[in-house]
Amino acid sequence: MVALQLRFLLVPFLTSVMGAAQYMMQDAALMNYLDRRFLSLEKRLEQCNQDILDYVEEFRDFSKMVLSRLAGLNNYKAEVKSEVENLLTRIERAQRDIDYFGSVTDSNTCIEVHEDLVKQQLLEEAEEKEKLKLMLNASCDHMLAGIKSLKIVKKTGDKNGSWMKDPGKKHTKIYLLNGSVNNVILEFANIMTFMESNHTLKARRVTLPFPWEGTGHIIYQGFLFYHKYGSLNEIIKFNIHKRNITDQMLLPGAGRIPAYKLSPSTKIDLAIDEQGLWAIHAEPETGGNIVITKINHITMAIEHTWDTSCNSKDAEAAFMACNTLYVVYNFPSGGTSRIQCVYDVLDAVNTYEIPVLHFPKRQGSHSTIHYNPKEKQLFAWGDGSQIIYKLHTKQKV
């Protein structure tokens, strides 16, 4: 009887236990299923995030490529515009030559036309000279008569380089640009700081977005003007204080051969005198003779160009002073530098009567010579030495 009662009690108990176990197994299977689903979702989310990052990176690369190509298109546009303007100028000159030769081969009546044409050309040349005098301020009437003395301020840096003051600013800062390819300017508070033995520790470093080529750069009114490395004839205007590019231009005809045969790294030499910014270079079409171009430093527009009679062979440097180009020559092996070709853009100097001017007490060569119109001195870089030459001037004759 007792056994029968126990049987009746155990059957429900065992049934409930088995049911609970079955529910627990179902719950465990459900939890395992949910865990797998969550893991799968997490993996998909991670893959989605990675895909988004990849898409963002690809979009950035694409944006950089588009911006780079747009910048290149702007450069091509400026180059094409400059070449078209240059071509139009040459067409105009060719048309004048055609008209001239046509008048020469005509009859007597045409000879009268030829004489009228000559008169017209002479009148146009006179008007052009008057315009140039107004543009260049003909009151600048002094010329170089000699080089009085030199001072070797310091010897630092590579064989080639450039150093200068800003003649358009009322400060005494010194700028040093070492090497023929570089992108770092060293700015010193004054010349005394520059002359110290640990001068580089006290210099302000200014990094350019693009390196320069050669040693023909110049600083004027707070801007660095330089030939961009890797370009044929692109000149960049860089704001030293704000550290950004404010303008750029292409100089037609320049960049194919060195401005001076003894300084082959410099294809375009920029210069400053009392009239502002100039560019000095040579062209194959001129037989290697030096060409000078007046540039408006504010608008970066070409104002006028002159083909000179000064040859670039055996030339090592040149500078502008009071509308006049002075070309410095030397020997390929180095020696005494000398000025033996002078070209005045206003024909105010009788260049045939100017004696050869020798640089005093120094054997070697120059990679840069820049005229400072404010101090009437030459800032030169010779074989790694930074030199100042004092000048002797006289009235133009």
Protein backbone atom coordinates (compact mmCIF):
# COMPACT_ATOMS: atom_id res chain seq x y z
CA MET A 1 0.00 0.00 0.00
CA VAL A 2 2.85 2.31 0.93
CA ALA A 3 4.66 1.39 -2.29
CA LEU A 4 1.58 2.28 -4.28
CA GLN A 5 1.40 5.68 -2.59
CA LEU A 6 5.08 6.34 -3.29
CA ARG A 7 4.55 5.46 -6.92
CA PHE A 8 1.75 7.95 -7.19
CA LEU A 9 3.97 10.64 -5.64
CA LEU A 10 7.13 9.92 -7.70
CA VAL A 11 5.40 9.91 -11.08
CA PRO A 12 4.31 13.58 -10.92
CA PHE A 13 7.63 14.60 -9.44
CA LEU A 14 9.65 12.92 -12.15
CA THR A 15 7.34 14.30 -14.78
CA SER A 16 7.84 17.85 -13.50
CA VAL A 17 11.63 17.39 -13.28
CA MET A 18 11.85 16.09 -16.85
CA GLY A 19 9.68 18.95 -18.05
CA ALA A 20 11.89 21.49 -16.32
CA ALA A 21 15.00 19.90 -17.80
CA GLN A 22 13.44 20.01 -21.23
CA TYR A 23 12.61 23.72 -20.81
CA MET A 24 16.18 24.42 -19.65
CA MET A 25 17.59 22.66 -22.73
CA GLN A 26 15.30 24.70 -24.96
CA ASP A 27 16.33 27.92 -23.19
CA ALA A 28 20.03 27.03 -23.58
CA ALA A 29 19.54 26.31 -27.26
CA LEU A 30 17.72 29.62 -27.66
CA MET A 31 20.48 31.51 -25.85
CA ASN A 32 23.10 29.80 -27.97
CA TYR A 33 21.17 30.74 -31.10
CA LEU A 34 20.84 34.37 -29.93
CA ASP A 35 24.57 34.51 -29.15
CA ARG A 36 25.42 33.31 -32.65
CA ARG A 37 23.06 35.85 -34.19
CA PHE A 38 24.57 38.70 -32.14
CA LEU A 39 28.10 37.61 -33.07
CA SER A 40 27.08 37.54 -36.71
CA LEU A 41 25.56 41.02 -36.42
CA GLU A 42 28.70 42.35 -34.71
CA LYS A 43 30.89 40.95 -37.49
CA ARG A 44 28.65 42.51 -40.11
CA LEU A 45 28.77 45.87 -38.28
CA GLU A 46 32.55 45.70 -38.09
CA GLN A 47 32.72 44.90 -41.81
CA CYS A 48 30.33 47.75 -42.53
CA ASN A 49 32.47 50.16 -40.49
CA GLN A 50 35.60 48.99 -42.30
CA ASP A 51 33.91 49.42 -45.68
CA ILE A 52 32.86 52.95 -44.69
CA LEU A 53 36.45 53.78 -43.66
CA ASP A 54 37.74 52.39 -46.95
CA TYR A 55 35.19 54.43 -48.90
CA VAL A 56 36.13 57.59 -46.97
CA GLU A 57 39.83 57.00 -47.66
CA GLU A 58 39.15 56.38 -51.36
CA PHE A 59 37.06 59.57 -51.51
CA ARG A 60 39.88 61.56 -49.90
CA ASP A 61 42.40 60.20 -52.40
CA PHE A 62 39.98 60.99 -55.22
CA SER A 63 39.47 64.54 -53.89
CA LYS A 64 43.24 65.09 -53.68
CA MET A 65 43.65 63.83 -57.24
CA VAL A 66 40.88 66.13 -58.51
CA LEU A 67 42.33 69.14 -56.68
CA SER A 68 45.80 68.36 -58.02
CA ARG A 69 44.49 68.09 -61.58
CA LEU A 70 42.55 71.35 -61.16
CA ALA A 71 45.73 73.07 -60.00
CA GLY A 72 47.54 71.62 -63.00
CA LEU A 73 44.80 72.87 -65.31
CA ASN A 74 45.15 76.37 -63.83
CA ASN A 75 48.88 76.25 -64.51
CA TYR A 76 48.27 75.05 -68.07
CA LYS A 77 45.72 77.82 -68.53
CA ALA A 78 48.20 80.46 -67.37
CA GLU A 79 50.92 78.96 -69.56
CA VAL A 80 48.69 78.86 -72.65
CA LYS A 81 47.57 82.44 -72.01
CA SER A 82 51.17 83.56 -71.70
CA GLU A 83 52.21 81.70 -74.85
CA VAL A 84 49.29 83.18 -76.79
CA GLU A 85 50.24 86.69 -75.67
CA ASN A 86 53.84 86.01 -76.66
CA LEU A 87 52.70 84.63 -80.03
CA LEU A 88 50.55 87.70 -80.68
CA THR A 89 53.53 89.94 -79.93
CA ARG A 90 55.70 87.99 -82.36
CA ILE A 91 52.97 88.08 -85.03
CA GLU A 92 52.75 91.84 -84.63
CA ARG A 93 56.53 92.16 -85.04
CA ALA A 94 56.46 89.85 -88.08
CA GLN A 95 53.66 91.90 -89.63
CA ARG A 96 55.73 95.05 -89.21
CA ASP A 97 58.71 93.35 -90.87
CA ILE A 98 56.52 92.17 -93.76
CA ASP A 99 55.17 95.67 -94.25
CA TYR A 100 58.70 97.02 -94.20
CA PHE A 101 60.08 94.56 -96.79
CA GLY A 102 57.02 95.07 -98.97
CA SER A 103 57.63 98.79 -99.04
CA VAL A 104 61.32 98.31 -99.94
CA THR A 105 60.56 96.23 -103.05
CA ASP A 106 57.97 98.62 -104.44
CA SER A 107 58.32 101.39 -107.04
CA ASN A 108 59.19 105.07 -106.49
CA THR A 109 55.75 105.71 -105.08
CA CYS A 110 56.34 102.86 -102.68
CA ILE A 111 59.69 104.40 -101.72
CA GLU A 112 57.79 107.43 -100.48
CA VAL A 113 55.57 105.08 -98.50
CA HIS A 114 58.71 103.45 -97.12
CA GLU A 115 60.01 106.83 -95.98
CA ASP A 116 56.68 107.51 -94.29
CA LEU A 117 56.88 104.12 -92.67
CA VAL A 118 60.37 104.86 -91.34
CA LYS A 119 59.15 108.18 -89.94
CA GLN A 120 56.23 106.39 -88.34
CA GLN A 121 58.53 103.78 -86.83
CA LEU A 122 60.86 106.45 -85.47
CA LEU A 123 57.88 108.26 -83.98
CA GLU A 124 56.63 105.05 -82.38
CA GLU A 125 60.08 104.32 -80.96
CA ALA A 126 60.28 107.83 -79.50
CA GLU A 127 56.84 107.43 -77.94
CA GLU A 128 57.85 104.02 -76.56
CA LYS A 129 60.96 105.52 -74.96
CA GLU A 130 58.89 108.27 -73.35
CA LYS A 131 56.49 105.68 -71.94
CA LEU A 132 59.43 103.70 -70.56
CA LYS A 133 60.90 106.82 -68.96
CA LEU A 134 57.60 107.52 -67.24
CA MET A 135 57.28 103.90 -66.12
CA LEU A 136 60.87 103.57 -64.90
CA ASN A 137 61.34 107.02 -63.34
CA ALA A 138 64.14 108.59 -65.39
CA SER A 139 65.29 110.62 -62.35
CA CYS A 140 67.35 107.57 -61.34
CA ASP A 141 70.53 108.97 -62.87
CA HIS A 142 73.49 107.31 -61.14
CA MET A 143 75.68 104.53 -62.48
CA LEU A 144 78.35 102.24 -61.11
CA ALA A 145 81.88 103.68 -61.29
CA GLY A 146 83.76 101.16 -59.20
CA ILE A 147 83.72 98.66 -56.33
CA LYS A 148 85.40 100.27 -53.34
CA SER A 149 85.81 97.44 -50.86
CA LEU A 150 84.55 94.09 -49.66
CA LYS A 151 83.67 92.60 -46.31
CA ILE A 152 83.39 88.86 -45.75
CA VAL A 153 80.57 88.79 -43.19
CA LYS A 154 80.53 85.03 -42.60
CA LYS A 155 81.35 81.68 -44.16
CA THR A 156 78.50 79.20 -43.77
CA GLY A 157 76.46 76.86 -45.91
CA ASP A 158 77.04 75.22 -49.29
CA LYS A 159 79.10 76.49 -52.21
CA ASN A 160 75.94 77.91 -53.77
CA GLY A 161 73.34 80.02 -52.01
CA SER A 162 71.87 83.46 -51.54
CA TRP A 163 71.57 85.95 -48.67
CA MET A 164 70.00 89.40 -48.53
CA LYS A 165 68.07 92.13 -46.76
CA ASP A 166 64.60 93.30 -47.77
CA PRO A 167 65.19 96.75 -49.34
CA GLY A 168 61.47 97.50 -49.29
CA LYS A 169 61.03 97.20 -45.53
CA LYS A 170 62.19 99.30 -42.57
CA HIS A 171 63.89 96.49 -40.70
CA THR A 172 67.34 94.98 -40.40
CA LYS A 173 66.45 91.31 -40.83
CA ILE A 174 68.83 89.05 -42.70
CA TYR A 175 67.60 86.15 -44.83
CA LEU A 176 69.73 83.14 -45.77
CA LEU A 177 68.71 80.64 -48.47
CA ASN A 178 71.27 77.85 -48.58
CA GLY A 179 71.83 75.66 -51.64
CA SER A 180 70.52 75.68 -55.19
CA VAL A 181 67.55 73.41 -54.28
CA ASN A 182 65.93 73.86 -50.86
CA ASN A 183 62.66 74.89 -49.23
CA VAL A 184 63.75 76.42 -45.89
CA ILE A 185 64.51 80.11 -45.32
CA LEU A 186 66.50 81.17 -42.25
CA GLU A 187 65.46 84.60 -40.91
CA PHE A 188 67.74 86.49 -38.48
CA ALA A 189 66.82 89.53 -36.38
CA ASN A 190 69.88 91.50 -37.59
CA ILE A 191 73.33 91.06 -39.05
CA MET A 192 74.95 90.72 -35.61
CA THR A 193 72.77 87.70 -34.83
CA PHE A 194 73.66 86.24 -38.22
CA MET A 195 77.41 86.64 -37.52
CA GLU A 196 77.27 84.67 -34.24
CA SER A 197 78.81 81.19 -34.22
CA ASN A 198 75.55 79.49 -33.18
CA HIS A 199 73.47 81.63 -35.51
CA THR A 200 71.23 78.79 -36.75
CA LEU A 201 69.84 78.29 -33.22
CA LYS A 202 68.53 81.86 -33.19
CA ALA A 203 67.07 81.80 -36.69
CA ARG A 204 63.38 81.66 -37.52
CA ARG A 205 62.77 78.84 -39.98
CA VAL A 206 60.25 79.46 -42.76
CA THR A 207 59.30 76.39 -44.81
CA LEU A 208 58.11 76.89 -48.38
CA PRO A 209 55.35 74.75 -49.95
CA PHE A 210 57.59 74.20 -53.00
CA PRO A 211 61.41 74.26 -53.14
CA TRP A 212 63.33 76.84 -55.14
CA GLU A 213 65.64 76.22 -58.09
CA GLY A 214 68.98 77.98 -58.52
CA THR A 215 70.06 80.99 -56.47
CA GLY A 216 68.24 83.79 -58.27
CA HIS A 217 65.55 84.50 -55.66
CA ILE A 218 64.89 87.90 -54.08
CA ILE A 219 62.96 89.28 -51.09
CA TYR A 220 61.06 92.54 -51.57
CA GLN A 221 58.38 94.23 -49.40
CA GLY A 222 57.83 91.11 -47.30
CA PHE A 223 57.53 88.70 -50.22
CA LEU A 224 59.92 86.08 -51.55
CA PHE A 225 60.01 85.81 -55.34
CA TYR A 226 61.60 82.58 -56.57
CA HIS A 227 61.80 80.11 -59.48
CA LYS A 228 59.81 76.98 -58.55
CA TYR A 229 61.90 73.81 -58.65
CA GLY A 230 60.88 71.35 -61.37
CA SER A 231 59.03 73.96 -63.44
CA LEU A 232 60.28 75.47 -66.68
CA ASN A 233 59.64 79.14 -65.92
CA GLU A 234 57.15 79.46 -63.05
CA ILE A 235 57.84 82.31 -60.61
CA ILE A 236 56.17 82.16 -57.19
CA LYS A 237 55.33 85.10 -54.92
CA PHE A 238 55.41 83.93 -51.28
CA ASN A 239 54.28 85.96 -48.24
CA ILE A 240 56.99 85.37 -45.62
CA HIS A 241 54.93 86.63 -42.66
CA LYS A 242 51.72 84.73 -43.48
CA ARG A 243 53.62 81.77 -44.95
CA ASN A 244 51.44 81.29 -48.01
CA ILE A 245 51.61 81.71 -51.79
CA THR A 246 49.87 84.91 -52.90
CA ASP A 247 50.51 84.79 -56.66
CA GLN A 248 52.48 83.13 -59.45
CA MET A 249 53.34 83.73 -63.09
CA LEU A 250 55.07 82.19 -66.10
CA LEU A 251 58.00 83.96 -67.75
CA PRO A 252 57.81 83.27 -71.53
CA GLY A 253 61.05 82.15 -73.17
CA ALA A 254 62.90 81.58 -69.91
CA GLY A 255 64.10 78.40 -68.23
CA ARG A 256 65.48 76.48 -71.20
CA ILE A 257 69.14 77.43 -70.72
CA PRO A 258 71.05 78.87 -67.74
CA ALA A 259 71.04 82.62 -67.28
CA TYR A 260 74.84 82.40 -66.80
CA LYS A 261 77.02 79.60 -68.18
CA LEU A 262 79.23 79.56 -65.06
CA SER A 263 76.18 79.22 -62.76
CA PRO A 264 74.24 76.43 -64.52
CA SER A 265 71.77 75.87 -61.65
CA THR A 266 70.24 79.33 -62.10
CA LYS A 267 67.84 79.50 -65.05
CA ILE A 268 66.00 82.66 -63.89
CA ASP A 269 67.73 85.34 -61.83
CA LEU A 270 65.39 87.80 -60.10
CA ALA A 271 66.70 91.25 -59.17
CA ILE A 272 65.64 94.41 -57.34
CA ASP A 273 66.72 98.00 -57.96
CA GLU A 274 65.23 101.45 -57.44
CA GLN A 275 62.48 100.60 -59.97
CA GLY A 276 61.33 97.32 -58.41
CA LEU A 277 61.39 93.73 -59.65
CA TRP A 278 63.30 92.43 -62.69
CA ALA A 279 63.96 89.00 -64.20
CA ILE A 280 67.25 88.12 -65.92
CA HIS A 281 67.55 85.07 -68.16
CA ALA A 282 68.93 83.83 -71.51
CA GLU A 283 67.21 82.37 -74.56
CA PRO A 284 68.46 80.12 -77.38
CA GLU A 285 66.81 82.47 -79.93
CA THR A 286 69.07 85.34 -78.81
CA GLY A 287 72.22 83.27 -79.30
CA GLY A 288 72.66 82.98 -75.54
CA ASN A 289 72.47 86.73 -75.01
CA ILE A 290 70.87 87.87 -71.77
CA VAL A 291 67.26 89.07 -71.74
CA ILE A 292 65.85 91.32 -69.02
CA THR A 293 62.17 91.70 -68.15
CA LYS A 294 60.51 94.31 -65.95
CA ILE A 295 57.82 92.72 -63.74
CA ASN A 296 55.14 94.48 -61.72
CA HIS A 297 55.74 92.97 -58.28
CA ILE A 298 52.14 93.65 -57.18
CA THR A 299 50.22 92.19 -60.14
CA MET A 300 53.00 89.82 -61.35
CA ALA A 301 52.44 91.14 -64.88
CA ILE A 302 55.20 91.70 -67.47
CA GLU A 303 55.69 95.40 -68.20
CA HIS A 304 58.46 95.29 -70.82
CA THR A 305 61.27 93.06 -72.16
CA TRP A 306 64.69 93.97 -73.58
CA ASP A 307 67.12 91.83 -75.59
CA THR A 308 70.61 92.88 -74.49
CA SER A 309 73.98 92.58 -76.20
CA CYS A 310 75.52 90.89 -73.12
CA ASN A 311 76.36 87.23 -73.67
CA SER A 312 75.84 84.57 -71.00
CA LYS A 313 79.08 82.75 -71.92
CA ASP A 314 81.66 83.04 -69.10
CA ALA A 315 79.10 84.99 -67.06
CA GLU A 316 78.64 83.96 -63.41
CA ALA A 317 76.11 86.55 -62.16
CA ALA A 318 74.43 89.88 -62.88
CA PHE A 319 72.47 92.57 -61.09
CA MET A 320 70.26 95.58 -61.86
CA ALA A 321 70.96 99.08 -60.51
CA CYS A 322 69.11 102.21 -61.57
CA ASN A 323 67.63 100.73 -64.79
CA THR A 324 71.01 99.29 -65.77
CA LEU A 325 72.16 95.68 -66.12
CA TYR A 326 75.70 94.85 -64.95
CA VAL A 327 76.97 91.41 -66.00
CA VAL A 328 79.78 89.79 -63.99
CA TYR A 329 82.22 87.52 -65.86
CA ASN A 330 84.91 85.12 -64.67
CA PHE A 331 87.04 82.19 -65.82
CA PRO A 332 85.63 78.63 -65.75
CA SER A 333 88.33 77.64 -63.24
CA GLY A 334 87.70 80.72 -61.07
CA GLY A 335 89.63 83.95 -60.80
CA THR A 336 89.05 87.68 -60.47
CA SER A 337 85.42 88.56 -61.19
CA ARG A 338 84.87 91.56 -63.44
CA ILE A 339 82.03 93.62 -64.91
CA GLN A 340 82.60 94.01 -68.63
CA CYS A 341 79.11 94.31 -70.11
CA VAL A 342 76.61 97.03 -69.18
CA TYR A 343 73.16 97.60 -70.66
CA ASP A 344 70.98 100.61 -69.82
CA VAL A 345 67.33 100.13 -70.80
CA LEU A 346 66.84 103.86 -71.39
CA ASP A 347 70.09 104.34 -73.38
CA ALA A 348 71.23 106.87 -70.77
CA VAL A 349 74.70 105.29 -70.47
CA ASN A 350 77.40 105.23 -73.12
CA THR A 351 78.32 101.60 -72.52
CA TYR A 352 81.26 101.67 -74.97
CA GLU A 353 83.18 104.12 -72.77
CA ILE A 354 82.72 102.20 -69.51
CA PRO A 355 85.97 100.52 -68.37
CA VAL A 356 86.09 96.95 -67.10
CA LEU A 357 85.37 96.98 -63.35
CA HIS A 358 87.18 94.37 -61.24
CA PHE A 359 86.03 93.03 -57.88
CA PRO A 360 88.77 93.80 -55.32
CA LYS A 361 91.21 91.48 -53.52
CA ARG A 362 89.47 88.19 -54.09
CA GLN A 363 90.04 85.07 -56.16
CA GLY A 364 87.14 82.67 -56.66
CA SER A 365 83.63 82.79 -58.09
CA HIS A 366 80.14 84.02 -57.20
CA SER A 367 76.91 82.07 -57.33
CA THR A 368 74.80 85.15 -56.51
CA ILE A 369 75.21 88.92 -56.58
CA HIS A 370 72.22 91.08 -55.58
CA TYR A 371 72.02 94.87 -55.44
CA ASN A 372 70.38 96.49 -52.40
CA PRO A 373 69.03 99.89 -53.54
CA LYS A 374 68.37 101.01 -49.96
CA GLU A 375 71.99 100.60 -48.81
CA LYS A 376 73.65 100.94 -52.25
CA GLN A 377 75.60 97.73 -51.65
CA LEU A 378 76.02 94.32 -53.25
CA PHE A 379 75.12 91.20 -51.24
CA ALA A 380 77.10 88.32 -52.75
CA TRP A 381 77.60 84.60 -52.11
CA GLY A 382 81.05 83.39 -53.12
CA ASP A 383 82.23 79.80 -52.54
CA GLY A 384 80.21 79.53 -49.32
CA SER A 385 81.12 83.02 -48.06
CA GLN A 386 78.60 85.81 -47.50
CA ILE A 387 80.12 89.04 -48.80
CA ILE A 388 79.15 92.73 -48.91
CA TYR A 389 80.63 94.97 -51.61
CA LYS A 390 80.50 98.76 -51.20
CA LEU A 391 80.02 100.70 -54.43
CA HIS A 392 81.31 103.91 -55.92
CA THR A 393 78.78 105.67 -58.18
CA LYS A 394 78.66 108.69 -60.46
CA GLN A 395 76.18 110.56 -62.65
CA LYS A 396 75.19 108.89 -65.90
CA VAL A 397 76.74 110.39 -69.00
